[in-house]
Amino acid sequence: MKKLMSGIIFFAGVLFAPFSVSAGVSVHIDIPLPPPIIFPAPPHLVVIPETYIYAVPDIQDDLFFYSGWWWRPWNGRWYRSRYYDRGWTYDHQPPFFHRTIPPGWKDNYRNKTWKGHRWEHRKISHHELQRNWSGWKKEKRWEKHSWGVKNWKDRRSGTQYRREVKKSKTVIKYRDDRRPVREDRR
């Protein structure tokens, strides 16, 4: 009887004991990182005319600097880093600026021409770029210097430029009681 009773208690304990079920799904996709680009010294860059994209022109791979980030395409993917030589991470979307990079910019660099004009590009040291890129963008430095392109006229200047007339927009905002308030903005 003792054996039967202990068997029933054991069976009931197993049957009614709370179960801890652990189920997990793990998906791991390895996206390979690009091979390192070896530089004997920090690279020199040029600004691509009509943009604020800086590029390292004298290497086989494409390497760009834009708004504080280094970018490079590799195997159909884009990678970015805060450093030119390490720390690359895959970025699931290409940078928006990549569409503005003219496909033959390196040929233009080698030939020192830009859209039929002489391009006297100035090499910028890594140190100078890191120290100044943000200020140059704010003060529109390269536009003032025509990006080093001789006799370059901005497409918006001169007789070709048409002024945009900004129309005022009416914006409707709501108060806390959901009554509309109209504001005219220019």
C-alpha atoms as a PDB file:
ATOM      1  CA  MET A   1       0.000   0.000   0.000  1.00  0.00           C
ATOM      2  CA  LYS A   2       2.856   2.362   0.822  1.00  0.00           C
ATOM      3  CA  LYS A   3       4.347   1.702  -2.593  1.00  0.00           C
ATOM      4  CA  LEU A   4       1.033   2.360  -4.308  1.00  0.00           C
ATOM      5  CA  MET A   5       0.477   5.574  -2.356  1.00  0.00           C
ATOM      6  CA  SER A   6       3.990   6.874  -3.029  1.00  0.00           C
ATOM      7  CA  GLY A   7       3.600   5.984  -6.726  1.00  0.00           C
ATOM      8  CA  ILE A   8       0.338   7.938  -6.950  1.00  0.00           C
ATOM      9  CA  ILE A   9       1.870  10.948  -5.172  1.00  0.00           C
ATOM     10  CA  PHE A  10       4.914  10.851  -7.431  1.00  0.00           C
ATOM     11  CA  PHE A  11       2.760  10.515 -10.562  1.00  0.00           C
ATOM     12  CA  ALA A  12       0.453  13.363  -9.396  1.00  0.00           C
ATOM     13  CA  GLY A  13       3.460  15.539  -8.640  1.00  0.00           C
ATOM     14  CA  VAL A  14       4.867  14.990 -12.097  1.00  0.00           C
ATOM     15  CA  LEU A  15       1.492  15.430 -13.747  1.00  0.00           C
ATOM     16  CA  PHE A  16       0.466  18.619 -11.959  1.00  0.00           C
ATOM     17  CA  ALA A  17       3.842  20.271 -11.488  1.00  0.00           C
ATOM     18  CA  PRO A  18       4.270  23.515 -13.415  1.00  0.00           C
ATOM     19  CA  PHE A  19       6.272  22.980 -16.529  1.00  0.00           C
ATOM     20  CA  SER A  20       8.885  25.391 -17.691  1.00  0.00           C
ATOM     21  CA  VAL A  21       9.059  25.144 -21.430  1.00  0.00           C
ATOM     22  CA  SER A  22      11.850  26.879 -23.212  1.00  0.00           C
ATOM     23  CA  ALA A  23      11.531  27.272 -26.937  1.00  0.00           C
ATOM     24  CA  GLY A  24      13.670  29.661 -28.893  1.00  0.00           C
ATOM     25  CA  VAL A  25      14.176  30.554 -32.472  1.00  0.00           C
ATOM     26  CA  SER A  26      17.421  32.103 -33.516  1.00  0.00           C
ATOM     27  CA  VAL A  27      18.110  33.420 -36.971  1.00  0.00           C
ATOM     28  CA  HIS A  28      21.653  34.526 -37.618  1.00  0.00           C
ATOM     29  CA  ILE A  29      22.711  35.944 -40.954  1.00  0.00           C
ATOM     30  CA  ASP A  30      26.350  36.765 -41.456  1.00  0.00           C
ATOM     31  CA  ILE A  31      26.998  39.669 -43.775  1.00  0.00           C
ATOM     32  CA  PRO A  32      30.697  39.712 -44.509  1.00  0.00           C
ATOM     33  CA  LEU A  33      32.608  42.890 -43.853  1.00  0.00           C
ATOM     34  CA  PRO A  34      34.689  44.432 -46.613  1.00  0.00           C
ATOM     35  CA  PRO A  35      38.406  43.769 -46.620  1.00  0.00           C
ATOM     36  CA  PRO A  36      40.472  46.531 -45.044  1.00  0.00           C
ATOM     37  CA  ILE A  37      41.990  49.240 -47.185  1.00  0.00           C
ATOM     38  CA  ILE A  38      45.572  49.689 -46.056  1.00  0.00           C
ATOM     39  CA  PHE A  39      46.881  53.242 -45.946  1.00  0.00           C
ATOM     40  CA  PRO A  40      50.513  54.058 -45.141  1.00  0.00           C
ATOM     41  CA  ALA A  41      49.268  57.408 -43.795  1.00  0.00           C
ATOM     42  CA  PRO A  42      45.832  59.013 -43.389  1.00  0.00           C
ATOM     43  CA  PRO A  43      44.321  59.595 -46.840  1.00  0.00           C
ATOM     44  CA  HIS A  44      43.978  62.851 -48.711  1.00  0.00           C
ATOM     45  CA  LEU A  45      40.582  63.656 -50.180  1.00  0.00           C
ATOM     46  CA  VAL A  46      38.982  65.907 -52.773  1.00  0.00           C
ATOM     47  CA  VAL A  47      35.504  67.394 -52.703  1.00  0.00           C
ATOM     48  CA  ILE A  48      33.409  66.247 -55.663  1.00  0.00           C
ATOM     49  CA  PRO A  49      32.134  69.386 -57.441  1.00  0.00           C
ATOM     50  CA  GLU A  50      28.507  70.382 -56.884  1.00  0.00           C
ATOM     51  CA  THR A  51      28.375  68.250 -53.712  1.00  0.00           C
ATOM     52  CA  TYR A  52      29.722  68.132 -50.186  1.00  0.00           C
ATOM     53  CA  ILE A  53      30.912  64.589 -50.731  1.00  0.00           C
ATOM     54  CA  TYR A  54      34.611  64.067 -50.119  1.00  0.00           C
ATOM     55  CA  ALA A  55      36.329  61.185 -51.882  1.00  0.00           C
ATOM     56  CA  VAL A  56      39.687  59.450 -51.688  1.00  0.00           C
ATOM     57  CA  PRO A  57      40.705  59.604 -55.361  1.00  0.00           C
ATOM     58  CA  ASP A  58      44.006  57.742 -55.519  1.00  0.00           C
ATOM     59  CA  ILE A  59      42.868  54.260 -54.502  1.00  0.00           C
ATOM     60  CA  GLN A  60      41.182  51.496 -56.452  1.00  0.00           C
ATOM     61  CA  ASP A  61      38.149  51.207 -54.151  1.00  0.00           C
ATOM     62  CA  ASP A  62      35.544  53.899 -53.675  1.00  0.00           C
ATOM     63  CA  LEU A  63      35.789  55.566 -50.286  1.00  0.00           C
ATOM     64  CA  PHE A  64      33.669  58.602 -49.442  1.00  0.00           C
ATOM     65  CA  PHE A  65      33.226  60.941 -46.500  1.00  0.00           C
ATOM     66  CA  TYR A  66      29.920  62.704 -45.955  1.00  0.00           C
ATOM     67  CA  SER A  67      28.565  64.482 -42.867  1.00  0.00           C
ATOM     68  CA  GLY A  68      30.827  62.798 -40.353  1.00  0.00           C
ATOM     69  CA  TRP A  69      30.662  59.271 -41.778  1.00  0.00           C
ATOM     70  CA  TRP A  70      32.965  57.291 -44.021  1.00  0.00           C
ATOM     71  CA  TRP A  71      31.134  55.212 -46.643  1.00  0.00           C
ATOM     72  CA  ARG A  72      32.223  52.491 -49.007  1.00  0.00           C
ATOM     73  CA  PRO A  73      30.390  50.169 -51.372  1.00  0.00           C
ATOM     74  CA  TRP A  74      31.492  46.544 -51.507  1.00  0.00           C
ATOM     75  CA  ASN A  75      29.858  43.531 -53.176  1.00  0.00           C
ATOM     76  CA  GLY A  76      26.654  45.452 -53.854  1.00  0.00           C
ATOM     77  CA  ARG A  77      26.278  46.603 -50.245  1.00  0.00           C
ATOM     78  CA  TRP A  78      27.136  49.821 -48.434  1.00  0.00           C
ATOM     79  CA  TYR A  79      29.182  50.020 -45.257  1.00  0.00           C
ATOM     80  CA  ARG A  80      29.839  52.979 -43.000  1.00  0.00           C
ATOM     81  CA  SER A  81      32.188  53.886 -40.194  1.00  0.00           C
ATOM     82  CA  ARG A  82      33.366  56.859 -38.176  1.00  0.00           C
ATOM     83  CA  TYR A  83      36.916  55.895 -39.229  1.00  0.00           C
ATOM     84  CA  TYR A  84      38.422  55.476 -42.672  1.00  0.00           C
ATOM     85  CA  ASP A  85      40.330  52.313 -41.801  1.00  0.00           C
ATOM     86  CA  ARG A  86      38.236  50.299 -39.333  1.00  0.00           C
ATOM     87  CA  GLY A  87      34.893  49.831 -37.633  1.00  0.00           C
ATOM     88  CA  TRP A  88      32.850  49.116 -40.762  1.00  0.00           C
ATOM     89  CA  THR A  89      29.224  48.130 -40.285  1.00  0.00           C
ATOM     90  CA  TYR A  90      26.710  47.087 -42.891  1.00  0.00           C
ATOM     91  CA  ASP A  91      24.050  49.689 -43.648  1.00  0.00           C
ATOM     92  CA  HIS A  92      20.852  48.181 -45.029  1.00  0.00           C
ATOM     93  CA  GLN A  93      20.189  51.200 -47.253  1.00  0.00           C
ATOM     94  CA  PRO A  94      22.590  52.962 -49.581  1.00  0.00           C
ATOM     95  CA  PRO A  95      23.376  56.502 -48.439  1.00  0.00           C
ATOM     96  CA  PHE A  96      21.079  59.037 -50.073  1.00  0.00           C
ATOM     97  CA  PHE A  97      24.044  60.961 -51.487  1.00  0.00           C
ATOM     98  CA  HIS A  98      25.271  58.059 -53.624  1.00  0.00           C
ATOM     99  CA  ARG A  99      22.856  59.031 -56.424  1.00  0.00           C
ATOM    100  CA  THR A 100      24.546  62.422 -56.735  1.00  0.00           C
ATOM    101  CA  ILE A 101      28.021  60.995 -57.352  1.00  0.00           C
ATOM    102  CA  PRO A 102      28.705  61.220 -61.082  1.00  0.00           C
ATOM    103  CA  PRO A 103      29.792  57.800 -62.408  1.00  0.00           C
ATOM    104  CA  GLY A 104      32.953  59.105 -64.101  1.00  0.00           C
ATOM    105  CA  TRP A 105      34.170  61.338 -61.312  1.00  0.00           C
ATOM    106  CA  LYS A 106      37.534  59.524 -61.027  1.00  0.00           C
ATOM    107  CA  ASP A 107      38.186  60.001 -64.749  1.00  0.00           C
ATOM    108  CA  ASN A 108      37.350  63.684 -64.341  1.00  0.00           C
ATOM    109  CA  TYR A 109      39.753  63.827 -61.410  1.00  0.00           C
ATOM    110  CA  ARG A 110      42.575  62.226 -63.423  1.00  0.00           C
ATOM    111  CA  ASN A 111      41.900  64.453 -66.456  1.00  0.00           C
ATOM    112  CA  LYS A 112      41.461  67.545 -64.257  1.00  0.00           C
ATOM    113  CA  THR A 113      38.202  68.461 -65.989  1.00  0.00           C
ATOM    114  CA  TRP A 114      34.646  68.910 -64.820  1.00  0.00           C
ATOM    115  CA  LYS A 115      31.851  69.270 -67.374  1.00  0.00           C
ATOM    116  CA  GLY A 116      34.216  70.774 -69.931  1.00  0.00           C
ATOM    117  CA  HIS A 117      35.981  73.116 -67.493  1.00  0.00           C
ATOM    118  CA  ARG A 118      39.408  72.853 -65.912  1.00  0.00           C
ATOM    119  CA  TRP A 119      39.160  71.320 -62.439  1.00  0.00           C
ATOM    120  CA  GLU A 120      41.993  72.430 -60.183  1.00  0.00           C
ATOM    121  CA  HIS A 121      41.083  70.188 -57.295  1.00  0.00           C
ATOM    122  CA  ARG A 122      42.765  70.703 -53.989  1.00  0.00           C
ATOM    123  CA  LYS A 123      43.744  67.722 -51.901  1.00  0.00           C
ATOM    124  CA  ILE A 124      42.503  67.949 -48.345  1.00  0.00           C
ATOM    125  CA  SER A 125      44.315  66.166 -45.549  1.00  0.00           C
ATOM    126  CA  HIS A 126      42.409  63.845 -43.258  1.00  0.00           C
ATOM    127  CA  HIS A 127      43.227  66.072 -40.295  1.00  0.00           C
ATOM    128  CA  GLU A 128      41.995  69.218 -42.061  1.00  0.00           C
ATOM    129  CA  LEU A 129      38.783  67.479 -43.121  1.00  0.00           C
ATOM    130  CA  GLN A 130      37.996  66.207 -39.629  1.00  0.00           C
ATOM    131  CA  ARG A 131      38.574  69.647 -38.166  1.00  0.00           C
ATOM    132  CA  ASN A 132      36.609  71.665 -40.754  1.00  0.00           C
ATOM    133  CA  TRP A 133      34.001  69.675 -42.737  1.00  0.00           C
ATOM    134  CA  SER A 134      31.028  70.820 -40.665  1.00  0.00           C
ATOM    135  CA  GLY A 135      31.971  74.503 -40.819  1.00  0.00           C
ATOM    136  CA  TRP A 136      32.694  74.302 -44.542  1.00  0.00           C
ATOM    137  CA  LYS A 137      29.228  72.909 -45.143  1.00  0.00           C
ATOM    138  CA  LYS A 138      27.539  75.605 -43.030  1.00  0.00           C
ATOM    139  CA  GLU A 139      29.435  78.459 -44.670  1.00  0.00           C
ATOM    140  CA  LYS A 140      29.068  76.924 -48.182  1.00  0.00           C
ATOM    141  CA  ARG A 141      32.797  77.153 -48.693  1.00  0.00           C
ATOM    142  CA  TRP A 142      33.018  75.082 -51.865  1.00  0.00           C
ATOM    143  CA  GLU A 143      30.228  76.939 -53.611  1.00  0.00           C
ATOM    144  CA  LYS A 144      32.074  80.206 -52.970  1.00  0.00           C
ATOM    145  CA  HIS A 145      35.204  78.685 -54.502  1.00  0.00           C
ATOM    146  CA  SER A 146      33.388  76.956 -57.398  1.00  0.00           C
ATOM    147  CA  TRP A 147      34.732  73.619 -56.162  1.00  0.00           C
ATOM    148  CA  GLY A 148      38.025  74.494 -57.852  1.00  0.00           C
ATOM    149  CA  VAL A 149      36.424  74.394 -61.307  1.00  0.00           C
ATOM    150  CA  LYS A 150      37.645  77.293 -63.464  1.00  0.00           C
ATOM    151  CA  ASN A 151      35.006  79.524 -65.065  1.00  0.00           C
ATOM    152  CA  TRP A 152      32.306  77.532 -63.326  1.00  0.00           C
ATOM    153  CA  LYS A 153      28.955  79.177 -62.919  1.00  0.00           C
ATOM    154  CA  ASP A 154      26.353  77.745 -60.650  1.00  0.00           C
ATOM    155  CA  ARG A 155      23.389  76.514 -62.632  1.00  0.00           C
ATOM    156  CA  ARG A 156      21.157  78.719 -60.527  1.00  0.00           C
ATOM    157  CA  SER A 157      23.066  81.954 -61.181  1.00  0.00           C
ATOM    158  CA  GLY A 158      22.857  84.456 -64.005  1.00  0.00           C
ATOM    159  CA  THR A 159      20.040  84.639 -66.520  1.00  0.00           C
ATOM    160  CA  GLN A 160      19.300  80.928 -66.244  1.00  0.00           C
ATOM    161  CA  TYR A 161      18.229  81.270 -62.645  1.00  0.00           C
ATOM    162  CA  ARG A 162      14.528  81.690 -62.051  1.00  0.00           C
ATOM    163  CA  ARG A 163      13.350  82.846 -58.704  1.00  0.00           C
ATOM    164  CA  GLU A 164      11.029  80.584 -56.860  1.00  0.00           C
ATOM    165  CA  VAL A 165       8.067  82.426 -55.532  1.00  0.00           C
ATOM    166  CA  LYS A 166       7.249  80.906 -52.209  1.00  0.00           C
ATOM    167  CA  LYS A 167       3.546  80.832 -51.636  1.00  0.00           C
ATOM    168  CA  SER A 168       2.271  81.108 -48.130  1.00  0.00           C
ATOM    169  CA  LYS A 169       0.938  77.862 -46.728  1.00  0.00           C
ATOM    170  CA  THR A 170      -2.031  77.670 -44.460  1.00  0.00           C
ATOM    171  CA  VAL A 171      -1.394  75.280 -41.619  1.00  0.00           C
ATOM    172  CA  ILE A 172      -4.175  74.068 -39.396  1.00  0.00           C
ATOM    173  CA  LYS A 173      -3.264  73.326 -35.802  1.00  0.00           C
ATOM    174  CA  TYR A 174      -5.566  72.081 -33.084  1.00  0.00           C
ATOM    175  CA  ARG A 175      -5.990  73.391 -29.577  1.00  0.00           C
ATOM    176  CA  ASP A 176      -6.525  71.026 -26.694  1.00  0.00           C
ATOM    177  CA  ASP A 177     -10.287  71.220 -27.243  1.00  0.00           C
ATOM    178  CA  ARG A 178      -9.723  70.189 -30.916  1.00  0.00           C
ATOM    179  CA  ARG A 179     -10.889  73.504 -32.380  1.00  0.00           C
ATOM    180  CA  PRO A 180      -8.801  74.430 -35.405  1.00  0.00           C
ATOM    181  CA  VAL A 181      -6.442  77.398 -35.323  1.00  0.00           C
ATOM    182  CA  ARG A 182      -5.251  78.754 -38.681  1.00  0.00           C
ATOM    183  CA  GLU A 183      -1.751  80.035 -39.185  1.00  0.00           C
ATOM    184  CA  ASP A 184      -0.349  81.512 -42.361  1.00  0.00           C
ATOM    185  CA  ARG A 185       3.286  80.650 -42.929  1.00  0.00           C
ATOM    186  CA  ARG A 186       5.629  82.039 -45.507  1.00  0.00           C
END
